[in-house]
Amino acid sequence: MATPLIAGLAVAATALAGRYGVQAWQAYKARPIVPRMRKFYEGGFQPTMNRREAALILGVRETANAEKVKEAHKRVMVANHPDAGGSHYLASKINEAKDVLSGKTKGGGSAF
């Protein structure tokens, strides 16, 4: 006698959970798209690169140590390498940013 009652409660609970699951999925799909924060520097370049601009290009702090600068340079260069469809100009700016932050400034700016 209790078996049909338990089975009925189980079916009702499953239906209720399914209903809330469908409502949650529809609410998830209808949520507004929030733009994500960009990781890399967007903007024009200054004639002579300074530490602030170099840090923005590589996505590190101006006071970052050499290891962090090296890792950031590798990450950004992989994303913008000319052999992978990137720009030679951007690659030269990325290399210049690494040089500025590591203290190996060549003084003449980029080749472009």
PDB file of N, CA and C in Angstrom:
ATOM      1  N   MET A   1       0.814  -1.183   0.000  1.00  0.00           N
ATOM      2  CA  MET A   1       0.000   0.000   0.000  1.00  0.00           C
ATOM      3  C   MET A   1       0.868   1.261   0.000  1.00  0.00           C
ATOM      4  N   ALA A   2       2.016   1.206   0.642  1.00  0.00           N
ATOM      5  CA  ALA A   2       2.887   2.367   0.704  1.00  0.00           C
ATOM      6  C   ALA A   2       3.725   2.513  -0.568  1.00  0.00           C
ATOM      7  N   THR A   3       3.887   1.422  -1.312  1.00  0.00           N
ATOM      8  CA  THR A   3       4.714   1.466  -2.526  1.00  0.00           C
ATOM      9  C   THR A   3       4.165   2.430  -3.570  1.00  0.00           C
ATOM     10  N   PRO A   4       2.873   2.412  -3.892  1.00  0.00           N
ATOM     11  CA  PRO A   4       2.367   3.377  -4.880  1.00  0.00           C
ATOM     12  C   PRO A   4       2.514   4.833  -4.409  1.00  0.00           C
ATOM     13  N   LEU A   5       2.392   5.052  -3.088  1.00  0.00           N
ATOM     14  CA  LEU A   5       2.540   6.401  -2.558  1.00  0.00           C
ATOM     15  C   LEU A   5       3.988   6.894  -2.711  1.00  0.00           C
ATOM     16  N   ILE A   6       4.939   6.040  -2.408  1.00  0.00           N
ATOM     17  CA  ILE A   6       6.349   6.401  -2.539  1.00  0.00           C
ATOM     18  C   ILE A   6       6.700   6.623  -4.008  1.00  0.00           C
ATOM     19  N   ALA A   7       6.190   5.760  -4.888  1.00  0.00           N
ATOM     20  CA  ALA A   7       6.451   5.912  -6.326  1.00  0.00           C
ATOM     21  C   ALA A   7       5.851   7.218  -6.835  1.00  0.00           C
ATOM     22  N   GLY A   8       4.669   7.571  -6.388  1.00  0.00           N
ATOM     23  CA  GLY A   8       4.027   8.817  -6.809  1.00  0.00           C
ATOM     24  C   GLY A   8       4.819  10.033  -6.335  1.00  0.00           C
ATOM     25  N   LEU A   9       5.311   9.993  -5.104  1.00  0.00           N
ATOM     26  CA  LEU A   9       6.113  11.097  -4.586  1.00  0.00           C
ATOM     27  C   LEU A   9       7.434  11.220  -5.355  1.00  0.00           C
ATOM     28  N   ALA A  10       8.025  10.086  -5.718  1.00  0.00           N
ATOM     29  CA  ALA A  10       9.274  10.108  -6.474  1.00  0.00           C
ATOM     30  C   ALA A  10       9.059  10.713  -7.858  1.00  0.00           C
ATOM     31  N   VAL A  11       7.968  10.356  -8.518  1.00  0.00           N
ATOM     32  CA  VAL A  11       7.660  10.911  -9.839  1.00  0.00           C
ATOM     33  C   VAL A  11       7.399  12.408  -9.726  1.00  0.00           C
ATOM     34  N   ALA A  12       6.660  12.828  -8.716  1.00  0.00           N
ATOM     35  CA  ALA A  12       6.366  14.249  -8.526  1.00  0.00           C
ATOM     36  C   ALA A  12       7.652  15.035  -8.243  1.00  0.00           C
ATOM     37  N   ALA A  13       8.532  14.483  -7.422  1.00  0.00           N
ATOM     38  CA  ALA A  13       9.784  15.157  -7.112  1.00  0.00           C
ATOM     39  C   ALA A  13      10.660  15.269  -8.358  1.00  0.00           C
ATOM     40  N   THR A  14      10.711  14.239  -9.185  1.00  0.00           N
ATOM     41  CA  THR A  14      11.481  14.261 -10.417  1.00  0.00           C
ATOM     42  C   THR A  14      10.932  15.305 -11.386  1.00  0.00           C
ATOM     43  N   ALA A  15       9.612  15.363 -11.505  1.00  0.00           N
ATOM     44  CA  ALA A  15       8.994  16.344 -12.392  1.00  0.00           C
ATOM     45  C   ALA A  15       9.281  17.764 -11.909  1.00  0.00           C
ATOM     46  N   LEU A  16       9.199  17.989 -10.604  1.00  0.00           N
ATOM     47  CA  LEU A  16       9.467  19.305 -10.049  1.00  0.00           C
ATOM     48  C   LEU A  16      10.940  19.715 -10.272  1.00  0.00           C
ATOM     49  N   ALA A  17      11.841  18.789 -10.054  1.00  0.00           N
ATOM     50  CA  ALA A  17      13.260  19.069 -10.275  1.00  0.00           C
ATOM     51  C   ALA A  17      13.528  19.351 -11.750  1.00  0.00           C
ATOM     52  N   GLY A  18      12.897  18.607 -12.632  1.00  0.00           N
ATOM     53  CA  GLY A  18      13.051  18.851 -14.066  1.00  0.00           C
ATOM     54  C   GLY A  18      12.526  20.219 -14.464  1.00  0.00           C
ATOM     55  N   ARG A  19      11.398  20.602 -13.900  1.00  0.00           N
ATOM     56  CA  ARG A  19      10.812  21.914 -14.196  1.00  0.00           C
ATOM     57  C   ARG A  19      11.774  23.036 -13.780  1.00  0.00           C
ATOM     58  N   TYR A  20      12.308  22.950 -12.565  1.00  0.00           N
ATOM     59  CA  TYR A  20      13.241  23.972 -12.103  1.00  0.00           C
ATOM     60  C   TYR A  20      14.543  23.954 -12.911  1.00  0.00           C
ATOM     61  N   GLY A  21      14.953  22.779 -13.337  1.00  0.00           N
ATOM     62  CA  GLY A  21      16.149  22.678 -14.171  1.00  0.00           C
ATOM     63  C   GLY A  21      15.953  23.365 -15.522  1.00  0.00           C
ATOM     64  N   VAL A  22      14.799  23.166 -16.138  1.00  0.00           N
ATOM     65  CA  VAL A  22      14.512  23.817 -17.413  1.00  0.00           C
ATOM     66  C   VAL A  22      14.428  25.332 -17.229  1.00  0.00           C
ATOM     67  N   GLN A  23      13.797  25.790 -16.157  1.00  0.00           N
ATOM     68  CA  GLN A  23      13.707  27.228 -15.895  1.00  0.00           C
ATOM     69  C   GLN A  23      15.095  27.836 -15.661  1.00  0.00           C
ATOM     70  N   ALA A  24      15.945  27.126 -14.937  1.00  0.00           N
ATOM     71  CA  ALA A  24      17.296  27.621 -14.690  1.00  0.00           C
ATOM     72  C   ALA A  24      18.089  27.691 -15.991  1.00  0.00           C
ATOM     73  N   TRP A  25      17.947  26.701 -16.861  1.00  0.00           N
ATOM     74  CA  TRP A  25      18.649  26.703 -18.137  1.00  0.00           C
ATOM     75  C   TRP A  25      18.189  27.866 -19.020  1.00  0.00           C
ATOM     76  N   GLN A  26      16.892  28.114 -19.059  1.00  0.00           N
ATOM     77  CA  GLN A  26      16.381  29.231 -19.857  1.00  0.00           C
ATOM     78  C   GLN A  26      16.858  30.571 -19.304  1.00  0.00           C
ATOM     79  N   ALA A  27      16.908  30.712 -17.993  1.00  0.00           N
ATOM     80  CA  ALA A  27      17.404  31.944 -17.391  1.00  0.00           C
ATOM     81  C   ALA A  27      18.898  32.116 -17.687  1.00  0.00           C
ATOM     82  N   TYR A  28      19.639  31.031 -17.690  1.00  0.00           N
ATOM     83  CA  TYR A  28      21.069  31.082 -17.992  1.00  0.00           C
ATOM     84  C   TYR A  28      21.300  31.525 -19.439  1.00  0.00           C
ATOM     85  N   LYS A  29      20.515  30.979 -20.374  1.00  0.00           N
ATOM     86  CA  LYS A  29      20.672  31.328 -21.777  1.00  0.00           C
ATOM     87  C   LYS A  29      20.215  32.748 -22.076  1.00  0.00           C
ATOM     88  N   ALA A  30      19.274  33.290 -21.295  1.00  0.00           N
ATOM     89  CA  ALA A  30      18.717  34.619 -21.554  1.00  0.00           C
ATOM     90  C   ALA A  30      19.479  35.731 -20.847  1.00  0.00           C
ATOM     91  N   ARG A  31      20.513  35.398 -20.077  1.00  0.00           N
ATOM     92  CA  ARG A  31      21.242  36.433 -19.335  1.00  0.00           C
ATOM     93  C   ARG A  31      21.972  37.354 -20.304  1.00  0.00           C
ATOM     94  N   PRO A  32      22.167  38.599 -19.919  1.00  0.00           N
ATOM     95  CA  PRO A  32      22.873  39.530 -20.803  1.00  0.00           C
ATOM     96  C   PRO A  32      24.351  39.166 -20.902  1.00  0.00           C
ATOM     97  N   ILE A  33      24.914  39.433 -22.060  1.00  0.00           N
ATOM     98  CA  ILE A  33      26.322  39.138 -22.276  1.00  0.00           C
ATOM     99  C   ILE A  33      27.144  40.286 -21.696  1.00  0.00           C
ATOM    100  N   VAL A  34      28.012  39.952 -20.769  1.00  0.00           N
ATOM    101  CA  VAL A  34      28.857  40.938 -20.107  1.00  0.00           C
ATOM    102  C   VAL A  34      30.220  40.898 -20.768  1.00  0.00           C
ATOM    103  N   PRO A  35      30.700  42.026 -21.276  1.00  0.00           N
ATOM    104  CA  PRO A  35      32.029  41.989 -21.888  1.00  0.00           C
ATOM    105  C   PRO A  35      33.093  41.661 -20.855  1.00  0.00           C
ATOM    106  N   ARG A  36      34.011  40.818 -21.241  1.00  0.00           N
ATOM    107  CA  ARG A  36      35.084  40.414 -20.336  1.00  0.00           C
ATOM    108  C   ARG A  36      36.220  41.413 -20.399  1.00  0.00           C
ATOM    109  N   MET A  37      36.976  41.447 -19.332  1.00  0.00           N
ATOM    110  CA  MET A  37      38.123  42.336 -19.284  1.00  0.00           C
ATOM    111  C   MET A  37      39.175  41.853 -20.271  1.00  0.00           C
ATOM    112  N   ARG A  38      39.759  42.766 -20.999  1.00  0.00           N
ATOM    113  CA  ARG A  38      40.778  42.406 -21.977  1.00  0.00           C
ATOM    114  C   ARG A  38      42.109  42.212 -21.274  1.00  0.00           C
ATOM    115  N   LYS A  39      42.871  41.232 -21.760  1.00  0.00           N
ATOM    116  CA  LYS A  39      44.131  40.915 -21.119  1.00  0.00           C
ATOM    117  C   LYS A  39      45.287  41.777 -21.621  1.00  0.00           C
ATOM    118  N   PHE A  40      45.227  42.182 -22.870  1.00  0.00           N
ATOM    119  CA  PHE A  40      46.373  42.832 -23.466  1.00  0.00           C
ATOM    120  C   PHE A  40      46.099  44.306 -23.721  1.00  0.00           C
ATOM    121  N   TYR A  41      47.136  45.039 -23.943  1.00  0.00           N
ATOM    122  CA  TYR A  41      47.103  46.473 -24.160  1.00  0.00           C
ATOM    123  C   TYR A  41      46.439  46.796 -25.498  1.00  0.00           C
ATOM    124  N   GLU A  42      45.463  47.698 -25.457  1.00  0.00           N
ATOM    125  CA  GLU A  42      44.832  48.165 -26.677  1.00  0.00           C
ATOM    126  C   GLU A  42      45.086  49.653 -26.800  1.00  0.00           C
ATOM    127  N   GLY A  43      45.630  50.060 -27.885  1.00  0.00           N
ATOM    128  CA  GLY A  43      45.834  51.484 -28.064  1.00  0.00           C
ATOM    129  C   GLY A  43      47.048  51.775 -28.912  1.00  0.00           C
ATOM    130  N   GLY A  44      47.222  53.039 -29.230  1.00  0.00           N
ATOM    131  CA  GLY A  44      48.352  53.452 -30.036  1.00  0.00           C
ATOM    132  C   GLY A  44      49.641  53.428 -29.232  1.00  0.00           C
ATOM    133  N   PHE A  45      50.728  53.543 -29.948  1.00  0.00           N
ATOM    134  CA  PHE A  45      52.033  53.502 -29.311  1.00  0.00           C
ATOM    135  C   PHE A  45      52.632  54.900 -29.271  1.00  0.00           C
ATOM    136  N   GLN A  46      53.413  55.166 -28.246  1.00  0.00           N
ATOM    137  CA  GLN A  46      54.114  56.437 -28.123  1.00  0.00           C
ATOM    138  C   GLN A  46      55.392  56.381 -28.959  1.00  0.00           C
ATOM    139  N   PRO A  47      55.913  57.551 -29.368  1.00  0.00           N
ATOM    140  CA  PRO A  47      57.130  57.542 -30.198  1.00  0.00           C
ATOM    141  C   PRO A  47      58.312  56.860 -29.504  1.00  0.00           C
ATOM    142  N   THR A  48      58.506  57.137 -28.219  1.00  0.00           N
ATOM    143  CA  THR A  48      59.553  56.483 -27.442  1.00  0.00           C
ATOM    144  C   THR A  48      58.881  55.714 -26.318  1.00  0.00           C
ATOM    145  N   MET A  49      59.116  54.417 -26.273  1.00  0.00           N
ATOM    146  CA  MET A  49      58.428  53.575 -25.289  1.00  0.00           C
ATOM    147  C   MET A  49      58.988  53.810 -23.891  1.00  0.00           C
ATOM    148  N   ASN A  50      58.099  53.958 -22.925  1.00  0.00           N
ATOM    149  CA  ASN A  50      58.516  54.085 -21.526  1.00  0.00           C
ATOM    150  C   ASN A  50      58.114  52.820 -20.778  1.00  0.00           C
ATOM    151  N   ARG A  51      58.482  52.744 -19.508  1.00  0.00           N
ATOM    152  CA  ARG A  51      58.205  51.539 -18.717  1.00  0.00           C
ATOM    153  C   ARG A  51      56.710  51.277 -18.571  1.00  0.00           C
ATOM    154  N   ARG A  52      55.912  52.333 -18.452  1.00  0.00           N
ATOM    155  CA  ARG A  52      54.468  52.169 -18.289  1.00  0.00           C
ATOM    156  C   ARG A  52      53.856  51.518 -19.529  1.00  0.00           C
ATOM    157  N   GLU A  53      54.209  52.034 -20.702  1.00  0.00           N
ATOM    158  CA  GLU A  53      53.678  51.474 -21.935  1.00  0.00           C
ATOM    159  C   GLU A  53      54.159  50.035 -22.131  1.00  0.00           C
ATOM    160  N   ALA A  54      55.422  49.776 -21.822  1.00  0.00           N
ATOM    161  CA  ALA A  54      55.958  48.418 -21.952  1.00  0.00           C
ATOM    162  C   ALA A  54      55.220  47.451 -21.032  1.00  0.00           C
ATOM    163  N   ALA A  55      54.930  47.893 -19.806  1.00  0.00           N
ATOM    164  CA  ALA A  55      54.196  47.036 -18.870  1.00  0.00           C
ATOM    165  C   ALA A  55      52.778  46.783 -19.361  1.00  0.00           C
ATOM    166  N   LEU A  56      52.134  47.777 -19.944  1.00  0.00           N
ATOM    167  CA  LEU A  56      50.789  47.591 -20.486  1.00  0.00           C
ATOM    168  C   LEU A  56      50.788  46.616 -21.657  1.00  0.00           C
ATOM    169  N   ILE A  57      51.782  46.699 -22.511  1.00  0.00           N
ATOM    170  CA  ILE A  57      51.861  45.803 -23.664  1.00  0.00           C
ATOM    171  C   ILE A  57      52.025  44.355 -23.212  1.00  0.00           C
ATOM    172  N   LEU A  58      52.889  44.116 -22.236  1.00  0.00           N
ATOM    173  CA  LEU A  58      53.146  42.748 -21.784  1.00  0.00           C
ATOM    174  C   LEU A  58      52.150  42.264 -20.738  1.00  0.00           C
ATOM    175  N   GLY A  59      51.378  43.180 -20.157  1.00  0.00           N
ATOM    176  CA  GLY A  59      50.385  42.774 -19.166  1.00  0.00           C
ATOM    177  C   GLY A  59      50.983  42.459 -17.812  1.00  0.00           C
ATOM    178  N   VAL A  60      52.066  43.147 -17.450  1.00  0.00           N
ATOM    179  CA  VAL A  60      52.698  42.959 -16.142  1.00  0.00           C
ATOM    180  C   VAL A  60      52.819  44.320 -15.463  1.00  0.00           C
ATOM    181  N   ARG A  61      53.263  44.325 -14.222  1.00  0.00           N
ATOM    182  CA  ARG A  61      53.513  45.577 -13.514  1.00  0.00           C
ATOM    183  C   ARG A  61      54.852  46.157 -13.953  1.00  0.00           C
ATOM    184  N   GLU A  62      54.982  47.453 -13.769  1.00  0.00           N
ATOM    185  CA  GLU A  62      56.243  48.105 -14.138  1.00  0.00           C
ATOM    186  C   GLU A  62      57.412  47.568 -13.323  1.00  0.00           C
ATOM    187  N   THR A  63      57.124  47.081 -12.120  1.00  0.00           N
ATOM    188  CA  THR A  63      58.174  46.596 -11.229  1.00  0.00           C
ATOM    189  C   THR A  63      58.336  45.077 -11.281  1.00  0.00           C
ATOM    190  N   ALA A  64      57.812  44.435 -12.321  1.00  0.00           N
ATOM    191  CA  ALA A  64      57.876  42.974 -12.416  1.00  0.00           C
ATOM    192  C   ALA A  64      59.330  42.512 -12.537  1.00  0.00           C
ATOM    193  N   ASN A  65      59.583  41.334 -11.962  1.00  0.00           N
ATOM    194  CA  ASN A  65      60.946  40.796 -12.040  1.00  0.00           C
ATOM    195  C   ASN A  65      61.214  40.217 -13.431  1.00  0.00           C
ATOM    196  N   ALA A  66      62.456  39.871 -13.696  1.00  0.00           N
ATOM    197  CA  ALA A  66      62.869  39.419 -15.028  1.00  0.00           C
ATOM    198  C   ALA A  66      62.147  38.144 -15.452  1.00  0.00           C
ATOM    199  N   GLU A  67      61.876  37.260 -14.516  1.00  0.00           N
ATOM    200  CA  GLU A  67      61.202  35.997 -14.851  1.00  0.00           C
ATOM    201  C   GLU A  67      59.769  36.248 -15.319  1.00  0.00           C
ATOM    202  N   LYS A  68      59.052  37.136 -14.630  1.00  0.00           N
ATOM    203  CA  LYS A  68      57.673  37.459 -15.040  1.00  0.00           C
ATOM    204  C   LYS A  68      57.655  38.158 -16.394  1.00  0.00           C
ATOM    205  N   VAL A  69      58.628  39.031 -16.626  1.00  0.00           N
ATOM    206  CA  VAL A  69      58.711  39.718 -17.920  1.00  0.00           C
ATOM    207  C   VAL A  69      58.953  38.696 -19.028  1.00  0.00           C
ATOM    208  N   LYS A  70      59.828  37.731 -18.770  1.00  0.00           N
ATOM    209  CA  LYS A  70      60.144  36.703 -19.763  1.00  0.00           C
ATOM    210  C   LYS A  70      58.912  35.848 -20.071  1.00  0.00           C
ATOM    211  N   GLU A  71      58.172  35.444 -19.029  1.00  0.00           N
ATOM    212  CA  GLU A  71      56.963  34.635 -19.230  1.00  0.00           C
ATOM    213  C   GLU A  71      55.893  35.416 -19.989  1.00  0.00           C
ATOM    214  N   ALA A  72      55.709  36.682 -19.613  1.00  0.00           N
ATOM    215  CA  ALA A  72      54.707  37.511 -20.278  1.00  0.00           C
ATOM    216  C   ALA A  72      55.087  37.747 -21.738  1.00  0.00           C
ATOM    217  N   HIS A  73      56.367  37.979 -21.997  1.00  0.00           N
ATOM    218  CA  HIS A  73      56.839  38.175 -23.370  1.00  0.00           C
ATOM    219  C   HIS A  73      56.542  36.944 -24.210  1.00  0.00           C
ATOM    220  N   LYS A  74      56.808  35.779 -23.667  1.00  0.00           N
ATOM    221  CA  LYS A  74      56.564  34.537 -24.402  1.00  0.00           C
ATOM    222  C   LYS A  74      55.081  34.371 -24.702  1.00  0.00           C
ATOM    223  N   ARG A  75      54.231  34.630 -23.699  1.00  0.00           N
ATOM    224  CA  ARG A  75      52.790  34.470 -23.864  1.00  0.00           C
ATOM    225  C   ARG A  75      52.239  35.421 -24.936  1.00  0.00           C
ATOM    226  N   VAL A  76      52.643  36.681 -24.881  1.00  0.00           N
ATOM    227  CA  VAL A  76      52.138  37.663 -25.827  1.00  0.00           C
ATOM    228  C   VAL A  76      52.725  37.424 -27.222  1.00  0.00           C
ATOM    229  N   MET A  77      53.980  37.018 -27.281  1.00  0.00           N
ATOM    230  CA  MET A  77      54.608  36.784 -28.575  1.00  0.00           C
ATOM    231  C   MET A  77      54.004  35.578 -29.283  1.00  0.00           C
ATOM    232  N   VAL A  78      53.649  34.545 -28.534  1.00  0.00           N
ATOM    233  CA  VAL A  78      53.002  33.382 -29.149  1.00  0.00           C
ATOM    234  C   VAL A  78      51.677  33.801 -29.785  1.00  0.00           C
ATOM    235  N   ALA A  79      50.954  34.700 -29.129  1.00  0.00           N
ATOM    236  CA  ALA A  79      49.660  35.144 -29.652  1.00  0.00           C
ATOM    237  C   ALA A  79      49.802  36.070 -30.853  1.00  0.00           C
ATOM    238  N   ASN A  80      50.945  36.744 -31.011  1.00  0.00           N
ATOM    239  CA  ASN A  80      51.102  37.752 -32.059  1.00  0.00           C
ATOM    240  C   ASN A  80      52.300  37.520 -32.971  1.00  0.00           C
ATOM    241  N   HIS A  81      52.829  36.319 -33.011  1.00  0.00           N
ATOM    242  CA  HIS A  81      54.036  36.061 -33.803  1.00  0.00           C
ATOM    243  C   HIS A  81      53.726  36.152 -35.302  1.00  0.00           C
ATOM    244  N   PRO A  82      54.613  36.770 -36.081  1.00  0.00           N
ATOM    245  CA  PRO A  82      54.369  36.899 -37.530  1.00  0.00           C
ATOM    246  C   PRO A  82      54.227  35.554 -38.256  1.00  0.00           C
ATOM    247  N   ASP A  83      54.903  34.522 -37.801  1.00  0.00           N
ATOM    248  CA  ASP A  83      54.784  33.209 -38.432  1.00  0.00           C
ATOM    249  C   ASP A  83      53.414  32.580 -38.203  1.00  0.00           C
ATOM    250  N   ALA A  84      52.691  33.072 -37.203  1.00  0.00           N
ATOM    251  CA  ALA A  84      51.359  32.537 -36.896  1.00  0.00           C
ATOM    252  C   ALA A  84      50.263  33.518 -37.323  1.00  0.00           C
ATOM    253  N   GLY A  85      50.588  34.428 -38.228  1.00  0.00           N
ATOM    254  CA  GLY A  85      49.594  35.353 -38.733  1.00  0.00           C
ATOM    255  C   GLY A  85      49.598  36.704 -38.050  1.00  0.00           C
ATOM    256  N   GLY A  86      50.542  36.945 -37.163  1.00  0.00           N
ATOM    257  CA  GLY A  86      50.620  38.221 -36.472  1.00  0.00           C
ATOM    258  C   GLY A  86      51.365  39.256 -37.296  1.00  0.00           C
ATOM    259  N   SER A  87      51.511  40.405 -36.746  1.00  0.00           N
ATOM    260  CA  SER A  87      52.130  41.530 -37.431  1.00  0.00           C
ATOM    261  C   SER A  87      53.601  41.664 -37.037  1.00  0.00           C
ATOM    262  N   HIS A  88      54.439  42.015 -38.013  1.00  0.00           N
ATOM    263  CA  HIS A  88      55.855  42.271 -37.719  1.00  0.00           C
ATOM    264  C   HIS A  88      55.988  43.493 -36.823  1.00  0.00           C
ATOM    265  N   TYR A  89      55.128  44.474 -37.047  1.00  0.00           N
ATOM    266  CA  TYR A  89      55.163  45.696 -36.247  1.00  0.00           C
ATOM    267  C   TYR A  89      54.864  45.390 -34.782  1.00  0.00           C
ATOM    268  N   LEU A  90      53.807  44.611 -34.536  1.00  0.00           N
ATOM    269  CA  LEU A  90      53.467  44.251 -33.150  1.00  0.00           C
ATOM    270  C   LEU A  90      54.572  43.420 -32.515  1.00  0.00           C
ATOM    271  N   ALA A  91      55.150  42.518 -33.285  1.00  0.00           N
ATOM    272  CA  ALA A  91      56.239  41.695 -32.745  1.00  0.00           C
ATOM    273  C   ALA A  91      57.420  42.572 -32.341  1.00  0.00           C
ATOM    274  N   SER A  92      57.729  43.596 -33.143  1.00  0.00           N
ATOM    275  CA  SER A  92      58.840  44.472 -32.778  1.00  0.00           C
ATOM    276  C   SER A  92      58.509  45.286 -31.540  1.00  0.00           C
ATOM    277  N   LYS A  93      57.253  45.702 -31.395  1.00  0.00           N
ATOM    278  CA  LYS A  93      56.849  46.449 -30.205  1.00  0.00           C
ATOM    279  C   LYS A  93      56.880  45.559 -28.962  1.00  0.00           C
ATOM    280  N   ILE A  94      56.495  44.316 -29.102  1.00  0.00           N
ATOM    281  CA  ILE A  94      56.537  43.380 -27.975  1.00  0.00           C
ATOM    282  C   ILE A  94      57.982  43.146 -27.546  1.00  0.00           C
ATOM    283  N   ASN A  95      58.871  42.964 -28.519  1.00  0.00           N
ATOM    284  CA  ASN A  95      60.290  42.785 -28.203  1.00  0.00           C
ATOM    285  C   ASN A  95      60.868  44.040 -27.561  1.00  0.00           C
ATOM    286  N   GLU A  96      60.457  45.207 -28.064  1.00  0.00           N
ATOM    287  CA  GLU A  96      60.931  46.458 -27.486  1.00  0.00           C
ATOM    288  C   GLU A  96      60.447  46.603 -26.044  1.00  0.00           C
ATOM    289  N   ALA A  97      59.203  46.191 -25.777  1.00  0.00           N
ATOM    290  CA  ALA A  97      58.666  46.253 -24.414  1.00  0.00           C
ATOM    291  C   ALA A  97      59.475  45.363 -23.485  1.00  0.00           C
ATOM    292  N   LYS A  98      59.838  44.174 -23.954  1.00  0.00           N
ATOM    293  CA  LYS A  98      60.672  43.281 -23.131  1.00  0.00           C
ATOM    294  C   LYS A  98      62.025  43.922 -22.851  1.00  0.00           C
ATOM    295  N   ASP A  99      62.604  44.534 -23.861  1.00  0.00           N
ATOM    296  CA  ASP A  99      63.904  45.182 -23.682  1.00  0.00           C
ATOM    297  C   ASP A  99      63.826  46.341 -22.697  1.00  0.00           C
ATOM    298  N   VAL A 100      62.763  47.134 -22.788  1.00  0.00           N
ATOM    299  CA  VAL A 100      62.614  48.277 -21.881  1.00  0.00           C
ATOM    300  C   VAL A 100      62.477  47.796 -20.442  1.00  0.00           C
ATOM    301  N   LEU A 101      61.647  46.769 -20.212  1.00  0.00           N
ATOM    302  CA  LEU A 101      61.431  46.294 -18.843  1.00  0.00           C
ATOM    303  C   LEU A 101      62.625  45.536 -18.289  1.00  0.00           C
ATOM    304  N   SER A 102      63.410  44.918 -19.156  1.00  0.00           N
ATOM    305  CA  SER A 102      64.574  44.183 -18.661  1.00  0.00           C
ATOM    306  C   SER A 102      65.815  45.067 -18.611  1.00  0.00           C
ATOM    307  N   GLY A 103      65.707  46.333 -19.049  1.00  0.00           N
ATOM    308  CA  GLY A 103      66.813  47.256 -18.959  1.00  0.00           C
ATOM    309  C   GLY A 103      67.776  47.199 -20.121  1.00  0.00           C
ATOM    310  N   LYS A 104      67.386  46.550 -21.205  1.00  0.00           N
ATOM    311  CA  LYS A 104      68.247  46.436 -22.383  1.00  0.00           C
ATOM    312  C   LYS A 104      67.753  47.351 -23.491  1.00  0.00           C
ATOM    313  N   THR A 105      67.406  48.570 -23.153  1.00  0.00           N
ATOM    314  CA  THR A 105      66.851  49.509 -24.129  1.00  0.00           C
ATOM    315  C   THR A 105      67.872  49.792 -25.219  1.00  0.00           C
ATOM    316  N   LYS A 106      67.416  49.701 -26.445  1.00  0.00           N
ATOM    317  CA  LYS A 106      68.300  49.967 -27.566  1.00  0.00           C
ATOM    318  C   LYS A 106      68.293  51.440 -27.942  1.00  0.00           C
ATOM    319  N   GLY A 107      67.357  52.228 -27.408  1.00  0.00           N
ATOM    320  CA  GLY A 107      67.364  53.661 -27.569  1.00  0.00           C
ATOM    321  C   GLY A 107      66.769  54.175 -28.849  1.00  0.00           C
ATOM    322  N   GLY A 108      66.629  53.395 -29.877  1.00  0.00           N
ATOM    323  CA  GLY A 108      66.144  53.912 -31.150  1.00  0.00           C
ATOM    324  C   GLY A 108      64.680  53.628 -31.418  1.00  0.00           C
ATOM    325  N   GLY A 109      63.987  52.959 -30.539  1.00  0.00           N
ATOM    326  CA  GLY A 109      62.597  52.599 -30.795  1.00  0.00           C
ATOM    327  C   GLY A 109      62.533  51.374 -31.678  1.00  0.00           C
ATOM    328  N   SER A 110      61.371  51.129 -32.259  1.00  0.00           N
ATOM    329  CA  SER A 110      61.213  49.949 -33.098  1.00  0.00           C
ATOM    330  C   SER A 110      61.782  50.205 -34.492  1.00  0.00           C
ATOM    331  N   ALA A 111      61.914  49.153 -35.257  1.00  0.00           N
ATOM    332  CA  ALA A 111      62.454  49.258 -36.603  1.00  0.00           C
ATOM    333  C   ALA A 111      61.437  49.873 -37.551  1.00  0.00           C
ATOM    334  N   PHE A 112      60.193  49.971 -37.130  1.00  0.00           N
ATOM    335  CA  PHE A 112      59.150  50.499 -38.017  1.00  0.00           C
ATOM    336  C   PHE A 112      58.879  51.924 -37.667  1.00  0.00           C
TER     337      PHE A 112
END
